[in-house]
Structures are given as structure tokens and as C-alpha cells.
Amino acid sequence: MYRSIALITLLFAVVSALTLITSVPVGWKFLFLVLVFAALFGGFSYREKQRWPELWAIWTFSTVVSVFQVLPDWFLSQVLGVLVFPEDGLFKFGTVSGYMAGLWAIPFFFTLLAARSYQGSFSSTQWLSHGFSVRAGGVAAAVALLIFATSEATLWILGSWYARDVMMLGHVALYVLIPEALLGFFLYQYFHTSQGQRPLVVVLNGLKVSILYTGCLALSYLFLEKVA
């Protein structure tokens, strides 16, 4: 399974590099890559869902939560005014560029996959039915923090979002670091809570992840930017 994912990831990386050097507006670049990711990883996961059912479950839940992640980004950009989505040629949800509804699925997929790798002694069925593990949740939190901090530090170069008017370490806003780690933890927790549930419950659990993340961002901003 992991070898196949590594090969698809390499292919996606090559497509990403070639896409990002084109002269197409940056918003359409990111939207295209979101769709490519969905086609490559979603298509592979669906094709292999009998052999590796966890991949399809991971891709599905990652995509559901990604859609709701427009909400915390909207809160940060329109209410607090500390996140900026410059004009990028693409449609927006309020103040949030449209590609963000799918972009979060990429780091979410790899975060959950890392937790799956950590619990590699389980078979596919055992892992999906095992339920929540604090240690695996910690792995998801650490991986999420690494991915998101790296993204914050680098993606601004491409003309995507950027933070402003907050304490920074380079181009990384400090107040988002703890919430981003907790986001990985919540993602793993509600992924397992969703297993075997009806689609509506899965969607509601995806919404819970985004709501919890938004709350963590608000409190972190309060204590680091307004109280400290």
C-alpha cells in the first residue's frame, strides 16, 4: 500500500511542479492541483477499497473536513483580519479563495495515513474498527503541525494566503501552531468516531473538526495576541 502511495505522491509532486511554473493565475493553479489530487488519490483509493478499505475511508473523511475548513479561514480573514487571500483569479467563498475547500484534503490525507502507519500492526479491518488511540492521535498531531507549519512558511511565495498583524516566526503565525497540532488530533479522533456510521454522521463529525479548530484558533489568538 505505502509503495503505491509513494509512487502516486511522486507523480503528484511532478505535476505540481510543472503546474506551478506556468503563467496561469495562482488560484486556478491550486484548483487544478486539488482536482488532480482528488483524481489520483481518490481514484486509487476507490479502486483498492476492497483490498485497503482504510485508504478510501481516509480520503473520504479528509475531503469532507476540507470542505468545512472554509469556515475557520473565513473567520480569520473576515472577522479577525489576520489572514489574507489576495486576488488570485479564482472565485471566493466570502474572503476565502475557492480552492481552499479542497486543498486541506491533501495534508489531512497524509496526516491520517501517518497515524495508520504508526498502527501498522493492525490489519485494515482491525484499524478501522479499533477506535481512538491517544498515542496515534499524538502522531497525527505532530505530523499535522509539521505539514501545516511548513506550508505556512513556504506557500506565501506562490502568491497564496499570508498572515498579517500577528506575532510571526519568519512567515509562520505563532498563534496557529497549537491549533494546527490539535487539528491533527481532532481529525484522527473524529475519523475513528465516524467509522461504521451513516453518511450524515460522517458529515457532522467533519463539521465538528472544523468547529473545534475554529474555537482553538480564536482562543489561541486571544491569549497570544491580546493577553500576552
C-alpha atoms as a PDB file:
ATOM      1  CA  MET A   1       0.000   0.000   0.000  1.00  0.00           C
ATOM      2  CA  TYR A   2       2.655   2.504   1.036  1.00  0.00           C
ATOM      3  CA  ARG A   3       4.772   1.862  -2.035  1.00  0.00           C
ATOM      4  CA  SER A   4       1.784   2.583  -4.277  1.00  0.00           C
ATOM      5  CA  ILE A   5       1.002   5.766  -2.350  1.00  0.00           C
ATOM      6  CA  ALA A   6       4.646   6.848  -2.607  1.00  0.00           C
ATOM      7  CA  LEU A   7       4.604   6.420  -6.387  1.00  0.00           C
ATOM      8  CA  ILE A   8       1.350   8.371  -6.719  1.00  0.00           C
ATOM      9  CA  THR A   9       2.777  11.061  -4.455  1.00  0.00           C
ATOM     10  CA  LEU A  10       5.839  11.330  -6.683  1.00  0.00           C
ATOM     11  CA  LEU A  11       3.613  11.681  -9.746  1.00  0.00           C
ATOM     12  CA  PHE A  12       1.556  14.344  -7.976  1.00  0.00           C
ATOM     13  CA  ALA A  13       4.743  16.200  -6.999  1.00  0.00           C
ATOM     14  CA  VAL A  14       5.905  16.259 -10.627  1.00  0.00           C
ATOM     15  CA  VAL A  15       2.521  17.505 -11.850  1.00  0.00           C
ATOM     16  CA  SER A  16       2.525  20.137  -9.099  1.00  0.00           C
ATOM     17  CA  ALA A  17       5.978  21.409 -10.031  1.00  0.00           C
ATOM     18  CA  LEU A  18       5.075  21.663 -13.708  1.00  0.00           C
ATOM     19  CA  THR A  19       1.780  23.386 -12.911  1.00  0.00           C
ATOM     20  CA  LEU A  20       3.261  25.943 -10.549  1.00  0.00           C
ATOM     21  CA  ILE A  21       5.803  27.213 -13.089  1.00  0.00           C
ATOM     22  CA  THR A  22       3.106  28.068 -15.637  1.00  0.00           C
ATOM     23  CA  SER A  23       1.758  31.582 -16.106  1.00  0.00           C
ATOM     24  CA  VAL A  24      -1.812  30.596 -15.184  1.00  0.00           C
ATOM     25  CA  PRO A  25      -3.302  32.684 -12.306  1.00  0.00           C
ATOM     26  CA  VAL A  26      -2.333  31.141  -8.970  1.00  0.00           C
ATOM     27  CA  GLY A  27      -5.917  30.432  -7.896  1.00  0.00           C
ATOM     28  CA  TRP A  28      -6.534  28.252 -10.939  1.00  0.00           C
ATOM     29  CA  LYS A  29      -3.205  26.506 -10.398  1.00  0.00           C
ATOM     30  CA  PHE A  30      -4.215  25.468  -6.899  1.00  0.00           C
ATOM     31  CA  LEU A  31      -7.706  24.464  -8.003  1.00  0.00           C
ATOM     32  CA  PHE A  32      -6.239  22.302 -10.751  1.00  0.00           C
ATOM     33  CA  LEU A  33      -3.894  20.603  -8.291  1.00  0.00           C
ATOM     34  CA  VAL A  34      -6.757  19.988  -5.859  1.00  0.00           C
ATOM     35  CA  LEU A  35      -8.665  18.245  -8.647  1.00  0.00           C
ATOM     36  CA  VAL A  36      -5.576  16.268  -9.689  1.00  0.00           C
ATOM     37  CA  PHE A  37      -5.088  15.121  -6.102  1.00  0.00           C
ATOM     38  CA  ALA A  38      -8.726  14.061  -5.887  1.00  0.00           C
ATOM     39  CA  ALA A  39      -8.458  12.153  -9.163  1.00  0.00           C
ATOM     40  CA  LEU A  40      -5.175  10.413  -8.330  1.00  0.00           C
ATOM     41  CA  PHE A  41      -5.646   9.572  -4.670  1.00  0.00           C
ATOM     42  CA  GLY A  42      -9.424   9.358  -4.642  1.00  0.00           C
ATOM     43  CA  GLY A  43      -9.431   7.199  -7.763  1.00  0.00           C
ATOM     44  CA  PHE A  44      -6.732   4.879  -6.419  1.00  0.00           C
ATOM     45  CA  SER A  45      -8.394   4.631  -3.002  1.00  0.00           C
ATOM     46  CA  TYR A  46     -11.754   3.778  -4.552  1.00  0.00           C
ATOM     47  CA  ARG A  47     -10.226   1.201  -6.888  1.00  0.00           C
ATOM     48  CA  GLU A  48      -8.424  -0.511  -3.998  1.00  0.00           C
ATOM     49  CA  LYS A  49     -11.131  -0.124  -1.346  1.00  0.00           C
ATOM     50  CA  GLN A  50     -11.709  -3.870  -1.117  1.00  0.00           C
ATOM     51  CA  ARG A  51      -8.009  -4.508  -0.605  1.00  0.00           C
ATOM     52  CA  TRP A  52      -7.211  -1.461   1.524  1.00  0.00           C
ATOM     53  CA  PRO A  53     -10.529  -0.051   2.786  1.00  0.00           C
ATOM     54  CA  GLU A  54      -8.782   2.378   5.113  1.00  0.00           C
ATOM     55  CA  LEU A  55      -7.491   4.390   2.143  1.00  0.00           C
ATOM     56  CA  TRP A  56     -10.995   5.101   0.858  1.00  0.00           C
ATOM     57  CA  ALA A  57     -12.149   5.959   4.382  1.00  0.00           C
ATOM     58  CA  ILE A  58      -9.173   8.292   4.857  1.00  0.00           C
ATOM     59  CA  TRP A  59      -9.685  10.044   1.524  1.00  0.00           C
ATOM     60  CA  THR A  60     -13.424  10.435   2.068  1.00  0.00           C
ATOM     61  CA  PHE A  61     -13.179  11.901   5.557  1.00  0.00           C
ATOM     62  CA  SER A  62     -10.284  14.162   4.572  1.00  0.00           C
ATOM     63  CA  THR A  63     -12.373  15.576   1.738  1.00  0.00           C
ATOM     64  CA  VAL A  64     -15.427  16.111   3.931  1.00  0.00           C
ATOM     65  CA  VAL A  65     -13.469  18.006   6.574  1.00  0.00           C
ATOM     66  CA  SER A  66     -11.659  20.037   3.905  1.00  0.00           C
ATOM     67  CA  VAL A  67     -14.937  21.475   2.654  1.00  0.00           C
ATOM     68  CA  PHE A  68     -15.773  22.758   6.136  1.00  0.00           C
ATOM     69  CA  GLN A  69     -12.313  24.268   6.583  1.00  0.00           C
ATOM     70  CA  VAL A  70     -13.538  27.266   4.621  1.00  0.00           C
ATOM     71  CA  LEU A  71     -15.227  28.320   7.889  1.00  0.00           C
ATOM     72  CA  PRO A  72     -12.122  28.866  10.083  1.00  0.00           C
ATOM     73  CA  ASP A  73     -10.314  30.529   7.173  1.00  0.00           C
ATOM     74  CA  TRP A  74     -13.300  32.814   6.663  1.00  0.00           C
ATOM     75  CA  PHE A  75     -13.341  33.672  10.369  1.00  0.00           C
ATOM     76  CA  LEU A  76      -9.639  34.515  10.375  1.00  0.00           C
ATOM     77  CA  SER A  77      -9.760  36.574   7.190  1.00  0.00           C
ATOM     78  CA  GLN A  78     -13.047  38.453   7.576  1.00  0.00           C
ATOM     79  CA  VAL A  79     -13.622  38.696  11.335  1.00  0.00           C
ATOM     80  CA  LEU A  80     -10.106  38.893  12.801  1.00  0.00           C
ATOM     81  CA  GLY A  81      -8.470  40.209   9.631  1.00  0.00           C
ATOM     82  CA  VAL A  82      -5.248  38.291  10.305  1.00  0.00           C
ATOM     83  CA  LEU A  83      -5.330  36.083   7.216  1.00  0.00           C
ATOM     84  CA  VAL A  84      -5.268  37.430   3.668  1.00  0.00           C
ATOM     85  CA  PHE A  85      -6.262  35.716   0.434  1.00  0.00           C
ATOM     86  CA  PRO A  86      -5.034  38.036  -2.318  1.00  0.00           C
ATOM     87  CA  GLU A  87      -6.795  38.236  -5.645  1.00  0.00           C
ATOM     88  CA  ASP A  88      -5.748  35.104  -7.483  1.00  0.00           C
ATOM     89  CA  GLY A  89      -8.140  34.913 -10.435  1.00  0.00           C
ATOM     90  CA  LEU A  90     -10.443  32.382  -8.769  1.00  0.00           C
ATOM     91  CA  PHE A  91     -13.903  32.643  -7.206  1.00  0.00           C
ATOM     92  CA  LYS A  92     -14.144  33.067  -3.426  1.00  0.00           C
ATOM     93  CA  PHE A  93     -16.312  31.922  -0.549  1.00  0.00           C
ATOM     94  CA  GLY A  94     -16.623  35.266   1.182  1.00  0.00           C
ATOM     95  CA  THR A  95     -12.985  36.225   1.668  1.00  0.00           C
ATOM     96  CA  VAL A  96     -11.598  32.693   1.144  1.00  0.00           C
ATOM     97  CA  SER A  97     -10.249  31.543  -2.205  1.00  0.00           C
ATOM     98  CA  GLY A  98     -12.318  28.715  -3.673  1.00  0.00           C
ATOM     99  CA  TYR A  99      -9.516  26.155  -3.871  1.00  0.00           C
ATOM    100  CA  MET A 100      -9.278  26.081  -0.066  1.00  0.00           C
ATOM    101  CA  ALA A 101     -12.422  23.939   0.105  1.00  0.00           C
ATOM    102  CA  GLY A 102     -10.373  21.082  -1.308  1.00  0.00           C
ATOM    103  CA  LEU A 103      -6.766  21.968  -0.535  1.00  0.00           C
ATOM    104  CA  TRP A 104      -6.970  20.883   3.110  1.00  0.00           C
ATOM    105  CA  ALA A 105      -7.726  17.323   1.975  1.00  0.00           C
ATOM    106  CA  ILE A 106      -4.099  16.911   0.899  1.00  0.00           C
ATOM    107  CA  PRO A 107      -2.436  17.370   4.321  1.00  0.00           C
ATOM    108  CA  PHE A 108      -5.356  15.620   6.021  1.00  0.00           C
ATOM    109  CA  PHE A 109      -4.850  12.523   3.867  1.00  0.00           C
ATOM    110  CA  PHE A 110      -1.180  12.257   4.788  1.00  0.00           C
ATOM    111  CA  THR A 111      -1.831  13.020   8.458  1.00  0.00           C
ATOM    112  CA  LEU A 112      -4.271  10.129   8.768  1.00  0.00           C
ATOM    113  CA  LEU A 113      -2.001   7.915   6.685  1.00  0.00           C
ATOM    114  CA  ALA A 114       0.826   8.602   9.148  1.00  0.00           C
ATOM    115  CA  ALA A 115      -1.399   7.508  12.025  1.00  0.00           C
ATOM    116  CA  ARG A 116      -2.260   4.369  10.056  1.00  0.00           C
ATOM    117  CA  SER A 117       1.430   3.667   9.531  1.00  0.00           C
ATOM    118  CA  TYR A 118       2.086   4.111  13.254  1.00  0.00           C
ATOM    119  CA  GLN A 119      -0.554   1.455  13.943  1.00  0.00           C
ATOM    120  CA  GLY A 120       0.831  -0.796  11.232  1.00  0.00           C
ATOM    121  CA  SER A 121       0.426  -3.975  13.295  1.00  0.00           C
ATOM    122  CA  PHE A 122      -3.332  -3.811  12.713  1.00  0.00           C
ATOM    123  CA  SER A 123      -4.952  -5.236   9.613  1.00  0.00           C
ATOM    124  CA  SER A 124      -7.147  -2.882   7.589  1.00  0.00           C
ATOM    125  CA  THR A 125     -10.332  -4.086   9.266  1.00  0.00           C
ATOM    126  CA  GLN A 126      -8.783  -4.029  12.732  1.00  0.00           C
ATOM    127  CA  TRP A 127      -7.538  -0.484  12.304  1.00  0.00           C
ATOM    128  CA  LEU A 128     -10.884   0.846  11.133  1.00  0.00           C
ATOM    129  CA  SER A 129     -12.728  -0.838  13.999  1.00  0.00           C
ATOM    130  CA  HIS A 130     -10.075  -0.354  16.689  1.00  0.00           C
ATOM    131  CA  GLY A 131     -11.239   3.100  17.655  1.00  0.00           C
ATOM    132  CA  PHE A 132      -9.378   6.090  19.029  1.00  0.00           C
ATOM    133  CA  SER A 133      -5.815   5.811  20.353  1.00  0.00           C
ATOM    134  CA  VAL A 134      -4.203   8.681  22.267  1.00  0.00           C
ATOM    135  CA  ARG A 135      -0.715   7.761  21.047  1.00  0.00           C
ATOM    136  CA  ALA A 136      -1.788   7.573  17.405  1.00  0.00           C
ATOM    137  CA  GLY A 137      -3.643  10.843  17.924  1.00  0.00           C
ATOM    138  CA  GLY A 138      -0.367  12.324  19.125  1.00  0.00           C
ATOM    139  CA  VAL A 139       1.343  11.112  15.957  1.00  0.00           C
ATOM    140  CA  ALA A 140      -1.398  12.751  13.877  1.00  0.00           C
ATOM    141  CA  ALA A 141      -0.940  15.981  15.845  1.00  0.00           C
ATOM    142  CA  ALA A 142       2.828  16.005  15.299  1.00  0.00           C
ATOM    143  CA  VAL A 143       2.551  15.265  11.580  1.00  0.00           C
ATOM    144  CA  ALA A 144      -0.167  17.892  11.135  1.00  0.00           C
ATOM    145  CA  LEU A 145       1.963  20.508  12.894  1.00  0.00           C
ATOM    146  CA  LEU A 146       4.952  19.685  10.685  1.00  0.00           C
ATOM    147  CA  ILE A 147       2.923  19.832   7.456  1.00  0.00           C
ATOM    148  CA  PHE A 148       0.989  22.979   8.289  1.00  0.00           C
ATOM    149  CA  ALA A 149       3.963  24.893   9.690  1.00  0.00           C
ATOM    150  CA  THR A 150       5.954  24.066   6.560  1.00  0.00           C
ATOM    151  CA  SER A 151       3.040  25.220   4.395  1.00  0.00           C
ATOM    152  CA  GLU A 152       2.731  28.491   6.299  1.00  0.00           C
ATOM    153  CA  ALA A 153       6.457  29.081   5.899  1.00  0.00           C
ATOM    154  CA  THR A 154       6.620  28.438   2.155  1.00  0.00           C
ATOM    155  CA  LEU A 155       3.340  28.738   0.245  1.00  0.00           C
ATOM    156  CA  TRP A 156       3.221  32.536   0.530  1.00  0.00           C
ATOM    157  CA  ILE A 157       5.966  32.521  -2.093  1.00  0.00           C
ATOM    158  CA  LEU A 158       3.444  31.256  -4.630  1.00  0.00           C
ATOM    159  CA  GLY A 159       1.055  34.143  -4.038  1.00  0.00           C
ATOM    160  CA  SER A 160      -1.392  32.208  -1.890  1.00  0.00           C
ATOM    161  CA  TRP A 161      -2.598  33.204   1.575  1.00  0.00           C
ATOM    162  CA  TYR A 162      -0.455  35.001   4.144  1.00  0.00           C
ATOM    163  CA  ALA A 163      -0.776  36.149   7.754  1.00  0.00           C
ATOM    164  CA  ARG A 164      -0.615  39.757   8.934  1.00  0.00           C
ATOM    165  CA  ASP A 165      -0.725  41.829  12.133  1.00  0.00           C
ATOM    166  CA  VAL A 166       0.231  38.914  14.402  1.00  0.00           C
ATOM    167  CA  MET A 167       3.409  37.609  16.030  1.00  0.00           C
ATOM    168  CA  MET A 168       5.458  35.782  13.415  1.00  0.00           C
ATOM    169  CA  LEU A 169       8.396  33.418  13.233  1.00  0.00           C
ATOM    170  CA  GLY A 170       9.579  34.084   9.706  1.00  0.00           C
ATOM    171  CA  HIS A 171       6.322  33.777   7.762  1.00  0.00           C
ATOM    172  CA  VAL A 172       4.644  31.486  10.299  1.00  0.00           C
ATOM    173  CA  ALA A 173       1.992  32.985  12.580  1.00  0.00           C
ATOM    174  CA  LEU A 174       2.711  31.720  16.094  1.00  0.00           C
ATOM    175  CA  TYR A 175      -0.899  31.643  17.277  1.00  0.00           C
ATOM    176  CA  VAL A 176      -1.818  28.938  14.724  1.00  0.00           C
ATOM    177  CA  LEU A 177       0.763  26.362  15.812  1.00  0.00           C
ATOM    178  CA  ILE A 178      -1.042  24.803  18.781  1.00  0.00           C
ATOM    179  CA  PRO A 179      -4.430  24.830  16.996  1.00  0.00           C
ATOM    180  CA  GLU A 180      -2.868  23.143  13.961  1.00  0.00           C
ATOM    181  CA  ALA A 181      -1.453  20.359  16.124  1.00  0.00           C
ATOM    182  CA  LEU A 182      -4.853  19.955  17.790  1.00  0.00           C
ATOM    183  CA  LEU A 183      -6.450  19.903  14.339  1.00  0.00           C
ATOM    184  CA  GLY A 184      -4.474  16.752  13.529  1.00  0.00           C
ATOM    185  CA  PHE A 185      -5.569  15.226  16.827  1.00  0.00           C
ATOM    186  CA  PHE A 186      -9.246  16.077  16.256  1.00  0.00           C
ATOM    187  CA  LEU A 187      -9.049  14.833  12.677  1.00  0.00           C
ATOM    188  CA  TYR A 188      -7.812  11.429  13.820  1.00  0.00           C
ATOM    189  CA  GLN A 189     -10.316  11.278  16.691  1.00  0.00           C
ATOM    190  CA  TYR A 190     -13.389  12.019  14.601  1.00  0.00           C
ATOM    191  CA  PHE A 191     -12.167   9.872  11.731  1.00  0.00           C
ATOM    192  CA  HIS A 192     -12.411   6.868  14.013  1.00  0.00           C
ATOM    193  CA  THR A 193     -15.651   8.106  15.562  1.00  0.00           C
ATOM    194  CA  SER A 194     -17.110   8.136  12.042  1.00  0.00           C
ATOM    195  CA  GLN A 195     -16.323   4.548  11.136  1.00  0.00           C
ATOM    196  CA  GLY A 196     -19.437   2.444  10.563  1.00  0.00           C
ATOM    197  CA  GLN A 197     -21.694   5.483  10.837  1.00  0.00           C
ATOM    198  CA  ARG A 198     -24.257   6.831   8.405  1.00  0.00           C
ATOM    199  CA  PRO A 199     -23.078   9.433   5.876  1.00  0.00           C
ATOM    200  CA  LEU A 200     -24.888  12.221   7.730  1.00  0.00           C
ATOM    201  CA  VAL A 201     -22.988  11.391  10.921  1.00  0.00           C
ATOM    202  CA  VAL A 202     -19.707  11.422   8.991  1.00  0.00           C
ATOM    203  CA  VAL A 203     -20.535  14.875   7.604  1.00  0.00           C
ATOM    204  CA  LEU A 204     -21.474  16.163  11.069  1.00  0.00           C
ATOM    205  CA  ASN A 205     -18.229  14.797  12.505  1.00  0.00           C
ATOM    206  CA  GLY A 206     -16.330  16.596   9.748  1.00  0.00           C
ATOM    207  CA  LEU A 207     -18.094  19.804  10.744  1.00  0.00           C
ATOM    208  CA  LYS A 208     -17.165  19.203  14.398  1.00  0.00           C
ATOM    209  CA  VAL A 209     -13.477  19.085  13.477  1.00  0.00           C
ATOM    210  CA  SER A 210     -13.690  22.494  11.811  1.00  0.00           C
ATOM    211  CA  ILE A 211     -15.714  23.993  14.641  1.00  0.00           C
ATOM    212  CA  LEU A 212     -13.219  22.769  17.238  1.00  0.00           C
ATOM    213  CA  TYR A 213     -10.350  24.104  15.155  1.00  0.00           C
ATOM    214  CA  THR A 214     -12.042  27.499  14.819  1.00  0.00           C
ATOM    215  CA  GLY A 215     -12.518  27.652  18.582  1.00  0.00           C
ATOM    216  CA  CYS A 216      -8.883  26.755  19.199  1.00  0.00           C
ATOM    217  CA  LEU A 217      -7.754  29.465  16.778  1.00  0.00           C
ATOM    218  CA  ALA A 218      -9.932  32.061  18.499  1.00  0.00           C
ATOM    219  CA  LEU A 219      -8.640  31.185  21.971  1.00  0.00           C
ATOM    220  CA  SER A 220      -5.029  30.984  20.831  1.00  0.00           C
ATOM    221  CA  TYR A 221      -5.355  34.392  19.170  1.00  0.00           C
ATOM    222  CA  LEU A 222      -6.890  35.802  22.349  1.00  0.00           C
ATOM    223  CA  PHE A 223      -4.155  34.567  24.683  1.00  0.00           C
ATOM    224  CA  LEU A 224      -1.148  35.125  22.408  1.00  0.00           C
ATOM    225  CA  GLU A 225      -2.148  38.342  20.673  1.00  0.00           C
ATOM    226  CA  LYS A 226      -4.449  40.156  23.095  1.00  0.00           C
ATOM    227  CA  VAL A 227      -3.483  38.960  26.567  1.00  0.00           C
ATOM    228  CA  ALA A 228       0.257  38.283  26.214  1.00  0.00           C
END
